[in-house]
Amino acid sequence: MDPADFYSGIVAELYRPLKSVSQDPEPYAALIRQVGWPALELGCGDGDPLLELRRRGLEVEGVDSSADMLERLRRRADEQSLPITVFHQRMEALNLPRRYRAIFLAGPTFNLLPDDATALAALRGIRAHLADDGAALVPLFTPVPTPAEQIGRVRTAAAPGGAELRVSVVAEQRDETTRRQTTLLRYERHHGSDSSVVERPWVLHWYSRDEFEELVTTAGLAVTAVTDPRGKPAHDDATDLHFRLQVAA
């Protein structure tokens, strides 16, 4: 399923109350303070960490392929009286009106791109929109299979209006050859006699360090650093990496 279609409807509604991780804005704020602005967040979703960065006075714009997630972002921005500029585009088909000193993805959103060809198109889009003296930050990770005992386990949250929200893993397939893991997720919303249930495949595509660096080079970019999420030099066997990129000389 295309990420733009995955993050729509009930999934967009349940995303915030059911998400298990909130991205720390500090690595992205540090990047922007170091290389300057304007900055661009790819896959900005419903606003984390973009809204916090705007609250700090940083000039950051956003782009996302999901119209529903962007609508939720705009609503949150209005509630917080934060002016924002966002674009409804796919990161593999960027066509924005200017270039940026800093481009970043908050968390491993790049893993949602389903294959190497799409990833290369996204990297070429970053190259086309990155200032010659700018820097990009692309976090990547290698997903691990969902443990068998967690298949079918339901995670719940309460919505402000009193509805019960649920998400669970129904099934999972993993292909080491194509480096793709497909997790079938069930999303549920129950409020009295009113219930909504959908099942959607969540696809993650991963890369070895060498495979990703080859794509980066093909796109006209260069890797300047590979760190762990805390900014420390990454070990050779690390599976949660932050790649810092610049325009190739």
Foldseek 3Di string as FASTA:
>chain_A
DQPQVVCDDLNVVCVVQPPDDAFDCVVVLVQCVVQHWDEEEEQCFQHVPNVVCQVVVHNYAYEHQHPSRVVNNVVVCVVVVGDYHYYNDHLLDDDDDAAIQEYEYGPQPLQQQFALVSSLSNLLSNLVRHDQSHKYKHKFFQDDDDDPVQAPPWDWGADPVGKIKIKGFPDKDADPVRQKIWTWMWIWIGDPPDIDIDIDIRMGHHDQPVRVQVSNVVSQKHWPAKPAPVRHHDDNPHGIIMTMIHGHD
